[in-house]
Amino acid sequence: MSEIEYVDNPAKHRYEIRDGETVAGLAAYRLPDDEHVDFVHTEVGEAYNGQGLASKLVAFALADVRAKGKRIIPHCPYVAKWLKRHGEEFADITDWPA
């Protein structure tokens, strides 16, 4: 495993976990309007399971959404679960789906 990095890939509408040239995981999103980032799916490759990378990716992605002045919609079950456990700092920018 080389250096793990977390990046936004706006062309593919997803935040990525990168291990060198390999995409080790992702958090896919859609942009329903100018104000929101709607997270719809998170996954990590089997070879990377159990390392806490998905949690770090979600923390990175949500901090990036905040830095961009946008709001979060957590349709992805993993992102919703993460917010319920760790997301107090993001409560002010989270719009829970109905």
N, C-alpha and C. Protein backbone atom coordinates (compact mmCIF):
# COMPACT_ATOMS: atom_id res chain seq x y z
N MET A 1 0.85 -1.18 0.00
CA MET A 1 0.00 0.00 0.00
C MET A 1 0.89 1.24 0.00
N SER A 2 0.65 2.11 -0.96
CA SER A 2 1.40 3.36 -0.98
C SER A 2 0.70 4.40 -0.11
N GLU A 3 0.90 5.64 -0.40
CA GLU A 3 0.31 6.72 0.39
C GLU A 3 -1.18 6.85 0.09
N ILE A 4 -2.02 6.70 1.10
CA ILE A 4 -3.48 6.85 0.92
C ILE A 4 -3.80 8.34 0.91
N GLU A 5 -4.62 8.75 -0.05
CA GLU A 5 -5.09 10.13 -0.08
C GLU A 5 -6.58 10.16 -0.38
N TYR A 6 -7.21 11.23 0.03
CA TYR A 6 -8.65 11.43 -0.14
C TYR A 6 -8.84 12.64 -1.03
N VAL A 7 -9.63 12.49 -2.09
CA VAL A 7 -9.81 13.58 -3.05
C VAL A 7 -11.25 13.63 -3.53
N ASP A 8 -11.67 14.82 -3.96
CA ASP A 8 -12.95 14.96 -4.64
C ASP A 8 -12.68 14.79 -6.13
N ASN A 9 -13.49 13.99 -6.79
CA ASN A 9 -13.40 13.82 -8.24
C ASN A 9 -14.72 14.32 -8.82
N PRO A 10 -14.83 15.65 -9.00
CA PRO A 10 -16.12 16.20 -9.43
C PRO A 10 -16.57 15.71 -10.80
N ALA A 11 -15.65 15.33 -11.66
CA ALA A 11 -16.02 14.82 -12.99
C ALA A 11 -16.83 13.53 -12.87
N LYS A 12 -16.57 12.74 -11.83
CA LYS A 12 -17.28 11.48 -11.62
C LYS A 12 -18.30 11.57 -10.47
N HIS A 13 -18.47 12.76 -9.91
CA HIS A 13 -19.39 12.97 -8.78
C HIS A 13 -19.11 11.99 -7.64
N ARG A 14 -17.87 11.99 -7.19
CA ARG A 14 -17.53 11.12 -6.07
C ARG A 14 -16.25 11.59 -5.39
N TYR A 15 -16.20 11.32 -4.09
CA TYR A 15 -14.97 11.46 -3.33
C TYR A 15 -14.29 10.10 -3.40
N GLU A 16 -12.97 10.11 -3.50
CA GLU A 16 -12.24 8.85 -3.68
C GLU A 16 -11.16 8.66 -2.63
N ILE A 17 -10.95 7.39 -2.29
CA ILE A 17 -9.78 6.98 -1.53
C ILE A 17 -8.80 6.48 -2.58
N ARG A 18 -7.64 7.08 -2.65
CA ARG A 18 -6.65 6.65 -3.63
C ARG A 18 -5.42 6.07 -2.95
N ASP A 19 -5.03 4.93 -3.46
CA ASP A 19 -3.80 4.26 -3.03
C ASP A 19 -2.90 4.26 -4.25
N GLY A 20 -2.09 5.32 -4.36
CA GLY A 20 -1.33 5.51 -5.60
C GLY A 20 -2.30 5.75 -6.74
N GLU A 21 -2.23 4.92 -7.78
CA GLU A 21 -3.12 5.04 -8.93
C GLU A 21 -4.43 4.27 -8.75
N THR A 22 -4.54 3.49 -7.68
CA THR A 22 -5.71 2.65 -7.45
C THR A 22 -6.79 3.40 -6.67
N VAL A 23 -8.03 3.33 -7.15
CA VAL A 23 -9.16 3.86 -6.39
C VAL A 23 -9.59 2.76 -5.43
N ALA A 24 -9.29 2.96 -4.16
CA ALA A 24 -9.55 1.94 -3.13
C ALA A 24 -10.97 2.01 -2.58
N GLY A 25 -11.64 3.14 -2.79
CA GLY A 25 -12.99 3.31 -2.29
C GLY A 25 -13.57 4.62 -2.79
N LEU A 26 -14.86 4.81 -2.55
CA LEU A 26 -15.50 6.03 -3.03
C LEU A 26 -16.76 6.33 -2.24
N ALA A 27 -17.13 7.59 -2.27
CA ALA A 27 -18.42 8.06 -1.75
C ALA A 27 -19.05 8.85 -2.89
N ALA A 28 -20.04 8.24 -3.54
CA ALA A 28 -20.70 8.85 -4.68
C ALA A 28 -21.75 9.85 -4.22
N TYR A 29 -21.91 10.90 -5.01
CA TYR A 29 -22.89 11.93 -4.68
C TYR A 29 -23.55 12.45 -5.94
N ARG A 30 -24.67 13.12 -5.72
CA ARG A 30 -25.31 13.87 -6.80
C ARG A 30 -25.52 15.30 -6.30
N LEU A 31 -25.72 16.19 -7.23
CA LEU A 31 -25.90 17.60 -6.91
C LEU A 31 -27.31 18.01 -7.34
N PRO A 32 -28.29 17.85 -6.45
CA PRO A 32 -29.68 18.12 -6.82
C PRO A 32 -29.98 19.60 -7.04
N ASP A 33 -29.16 20.47 -6.47
CA ASP A 33 -29.34 21.92 -6.62
C ASP A 33 -28.00 22.58 -6.28
N ASP A 34 -27.98 23.90 -6.26
CA ASP A 34 -26.73 24.62 -6.00
C ASP A 34 -26.30 24.58 -4.55
N GLU A 35 -27.19 24.16 -3.66
CA GLU A 35 -26.93 24.23 -2.23
C GLU A 35 -26.50 22.89 -1.62
N HIS A 36 -26.88 21.77 -2.22
CA HIS A 36 -26.71 20.47 -1.58
C HIS A 36 -25.75 19.53 -2.30
N VAL A 37 -25.14 18.67 -1.48
CA VAL A 37 -24.40 17.49 -1.97
C VAL A 37 -25.13 16.30 -1.35
N ASP A 38 -25.72 15.49 -2.21
CA ASP A 38 -26.53 14.35 -1.78
C ASP A 38 -25.70 13.08 -1.90
N PHE A 39 -25.27 12.54 -0.77
CA PHE A 39 -24.46 11.31 -0.78
C PHE A 39 -25.38 10.12 -0.99
N VAL A 40 -25.06 9.28 -1.98
CA VAL A 40 -25.95 8.19 -2.35
C VAL A 40 -25.33 6.80 -2.18
N HIS A 41 -24.01 6.70 -2.12
CA HIS A 41 -23.39 5.37 -2.02
C HIS A 41 -21.94 5.51 -1.56
N THR A 42 -21.53 4.62 -0.65
CA THR A 42 -20.14 4.56 -0.20
C THR A 42 -19.69 3.10 -0.28
N GLU A 43 -18.48 2.90 -0.77
CA GLU A 43 -17.91 1.54 -0.81
C GLU A 43 -16.40 1.60 -0.71
N VAL A 44 -15.84 0.52 -0.19
CA VAL A 44 -14.39 0.35 -0.10
C VAL A 44 -14.06 -1.02 -0.67
N GLY A 45 -13.00 -1.10 -1.47
CA GLY A 45 -12.60 -2.36 -2.05
C GLY A 45 -12.27 -3.39 -0.98
N GLU A 46 -12.53 -4.65 -1.30
CA GLU A 46 -12.35 -5.73 -0.33
C GLU A 46 -10.94 -5.76 0.26
N ALA A 47 -9.95 -5.48 -0.56
CA ALA A 47 -8.56 -5.51 -0.09
C ALA A 47 -8.28 -4.42 0.96
N TYR A 48 -9.17 -3.44 1.07
CA TYR A 48 -8.96 -2.31 1.98
C TYR A 48 -9.92 -2.33 3.17
N ASN A 49 -10.75 -3.35 3.28
CA ASN A 49 -11.71 -3.44 4.38
C ASN A 49 -11.00 -3.48 5.74
N GLY A 50 -11.70 -2.98 6.76
CA GLY A 50 -11.22 -3.09 8.13
C GLY A 50 -10.12 -2.12 8.53
N GLN A 51 -9.86 -1.13 7.71
CA GLN A 51 -8.81 -0.16 8.01
C GLN A 51 -9.34 1.21 8.39
N GLY A 52 -10.66 1.34 8.45
CA GLY A 52 -11.26 2.62 8.81
C GLY A 52 -11.22 3.66 7.70
N LEU A 53 -10.97 3.21 6.47
CA LEU A 53 -10.83 4.16 5.37
C LEU A 53 -12.15 4.82 4.99
N ALA A 54 -13.25 4.08 5.05
CA ALA A 54 -14.55 4.67 4.71
C ALA A 54 -14.89 5.80 5.67
N SER A 55 -14.64 5.58 6.95
CA SER A 55 -14.92 6.62 7.94
C SER A 55 -14.07 7.86 7.68
N LYS A 56 -12.80 7.66 7.37
CA LYS A 56 -11.91 8.80 7.07
C LYS A 56 -12.36 9.51 5.80
N LEU A 57 -12.82 8.74 4.82
CA LEU A 57 -13.30 9.34 3.57
C LEU A 57 -14.53 10.20 3.83
N VAL A 58 -15.48 9.69 4.61
CA VAL A 58 -16.69 10.46 4.90
C VAL A 58 -16.34 11.72 5.68
N ALA A 59 -15.46 11.62 6.66
CA ALA A 59 -15.04 12.81 7.41
C ALA A 59 -14.42 13.85 6.47
N PHE A 60 -13.56 13.39 5.56
CA PHE A 60 -12.94 14.28 4.59
C PHE A 60 -14.00 14.93 3.69
N ALA A 61 -14.91 14.10 3.16
CA ALA A 61 -15.92 14.60 2.23
C ALA A 61 -16.83 15.63 2.90
N LEU A 62 -17.28 15.35 4.11
CA LEU A 62 -18.19 16.27 4.79
C LEU A 62 -17.49 17.58 5.15
N ALA A 63 -16.24 17.50 5.54
CA ALA A 63 -15.47 18.73 5.81
C ALA A 63 -15.31 19.54 4.53
N ASP A 64 -15.13 18.85 3.40
CA ASP A 64 -14.99 19.54 2.12
C ASP A 64 -16.30 20.21 1.71
N VAL A 65 -17.42 19.52 1.95
CA VAL A 65 -18.74 20.10 1.66
C VAL A 65 -18.91 21.38 2.48
N ARG A 66 -18.57 21.32 3.76
CA ARG A 66 -18.65 22.52 4.61
C ARG A 66 -17.77 23.64 4.08
N ALA A 67 -16.54 23.31 3.71
CA ALA A 67 -15.59 24.31 3.22
C ALA A 67 -16.11 24.98 1.94
N LYS A 68 -16.90 24.26 1.17
CA LYS A 68 -17.47 24.81 -0.07
C LYS A 68 -18.76 25.56 0.17
N GLY A 69 -19.20 25.63 1.45
CA GLY A 69 -20.40 26.38 1.79
C GLY A 69 -21.69 25.70 1.37
N LYS A 70 -21.66 24.37 1.28
CA LYS A 70 -22.84 23.62 0.85
C LYS A 70 -23.42 22.83 2.02
N ARG A 71 -24.53 22.13 1.75
CA ARG A 71 -25.23 21.35 2.76
C ARG A 71 -25.23 19.88 2.35
N ILE A 72 -25.42 18.99 3.32
CA ILE A 72 -25.35 17.55 3.13
C ILE A 72 -26.75 16.95 3.14
N ILE A 73 -27.00 16.01 2.21
CA ILE A 73 -28.18 15.14 2.28
C ILE A 73 -27.64 13.72 2.35
N PRO A 74 -27.86 13.01 3.45
CA PRO A 74 -27.30 11.66 3.60
C PRO A 74 -28.27 10.54 3.18
N HIS A 75 -28.45 10.33 1.87
CA HIS A 75 -29.24 9.20 1.42
C HIS A 75 -28.46 7.89 1.55
N CYS A 76 -27.14 7.96 1.47
CA CYS A 76 -26.31 6.76 1.63
C CYS A 76 -26.43 6.25 3.07
N PRO A 77 -26.76 4.97 3.26
CA PRO A 77 -26.89 4.43 4.62
C PRO A 77 -25.60 4.57 5.44
N TYR A 78 -24.44 4.41 4.80
CA TYR A 78 -23.19 4.53 5.55
C TYR A 78 -22.98 5.96 6.03
N VAL A 79 -23.21 6.93 5.16
CA VAL A 79 -23.03 8.34 5.55
C VAL A 79 -24.03 8.70 6.65
N ALA A 80 -25.27 8.23 6.54
CA ALA A 80 -26.29 8.51 7.57
C ALA A 80 -25.86 7.92 8.91
N LYS A 81 -25.38 6.69 8.89
CA LYS A 81 -24.92 6.04 10.13
C LYS A 81 -23.72 6.78 10.72
N TRP A 82 -22.79 7.20 9.86
CA TRP A 82 -21.60 7.94 10.31
C TRP A 82 -22.04 9.24 10.98
N LEU A 83 -22.98 9.96 10.36
CA LEU A 83 -23.45 11.22 10.93
C LEU A 83 -24.12 11.02 12.28
N LYS A 84 -24.86 9.94 12.44
CA LYS A 84 -25.52 9.68 13.72
C LYS A 84 -24.51 9.37 14.82
N ARG A 85 -23.37 8.79 14.44
CA ARG A 85 -22.33 8.46 15.43
C ARG A 85 -21.36 9.60 15.69
N HIS A 86 -20.93 10.27 14.64
CA HIS A 86 -19.83 11.23 14.75
C HIS A 86 -20.17 12.64 14.25
N GLY A 87 -21.38 12.83 13.79
CA GLY A 87 -21.66 14.02 13.00
C GLY A 87 -22.16 15.24 13.70
N GLU A 88 -21.98 15.35 15.02
CA GLU A 88 -22.48 16.54 15.72
C GLU A 88 -21.97 17.82 15.07
N GLU A 89 -20.72 17.80 14.64
CA GLU A 89 -20.14 19.01 14.05
C GLU A 89 -20.73 19.36 12.70
N PHE A 90 -21.49 18.42 12.09
CA PHE A 90 -22.10 18.66 10.80
C PHE A 90 -23.62 18.81 10.88
N ALA A 91 -24.17 18.76 12.09
CA ALA A 91 -25.63 18.83 12.26
C ALA A 91 -26.22 20.11 11.65
N ASP A 92 -25.47 21.20 11.72
CA ASP A 92 -25.96 22.47 11.22
C ASP A 92 -26.01 22.55 9.70
N ILE A 93 -25.37 21.61 9.00
CA ILE A 93 -25.42 21.64 7.53
C ILE A 93 -26.02 20.34 6.95
N THR A 94 -26.69 19.55 7.80
CA THR A 94 -27.28 18.30 7.35
C THR A 94 -28.78 18.44 7.20
N ASP A 95 -29.28 18.06 6.03
CA ASP A 95 -30.72 18.02 5.76
C ASP A 95 -31.08 16.56 5.57
N TRP A 96 -31.73 15.98 6.58
CA TRP A 96 -32.09 14.57 6.54
C TRP A 96 -33.20 14.35 5.53
N PRO A 97 -33.08 13.28 4.71
CA PRO A 97 -34.16 13.00 3.75
C PRO A 97 -35.44 12.58 4.47
N ALA A 98 -36.57 12.88 3.84
CA ALA A 98 -37.88 12.56 4.44
C ALA A 98 -38.12 11.06 4.41
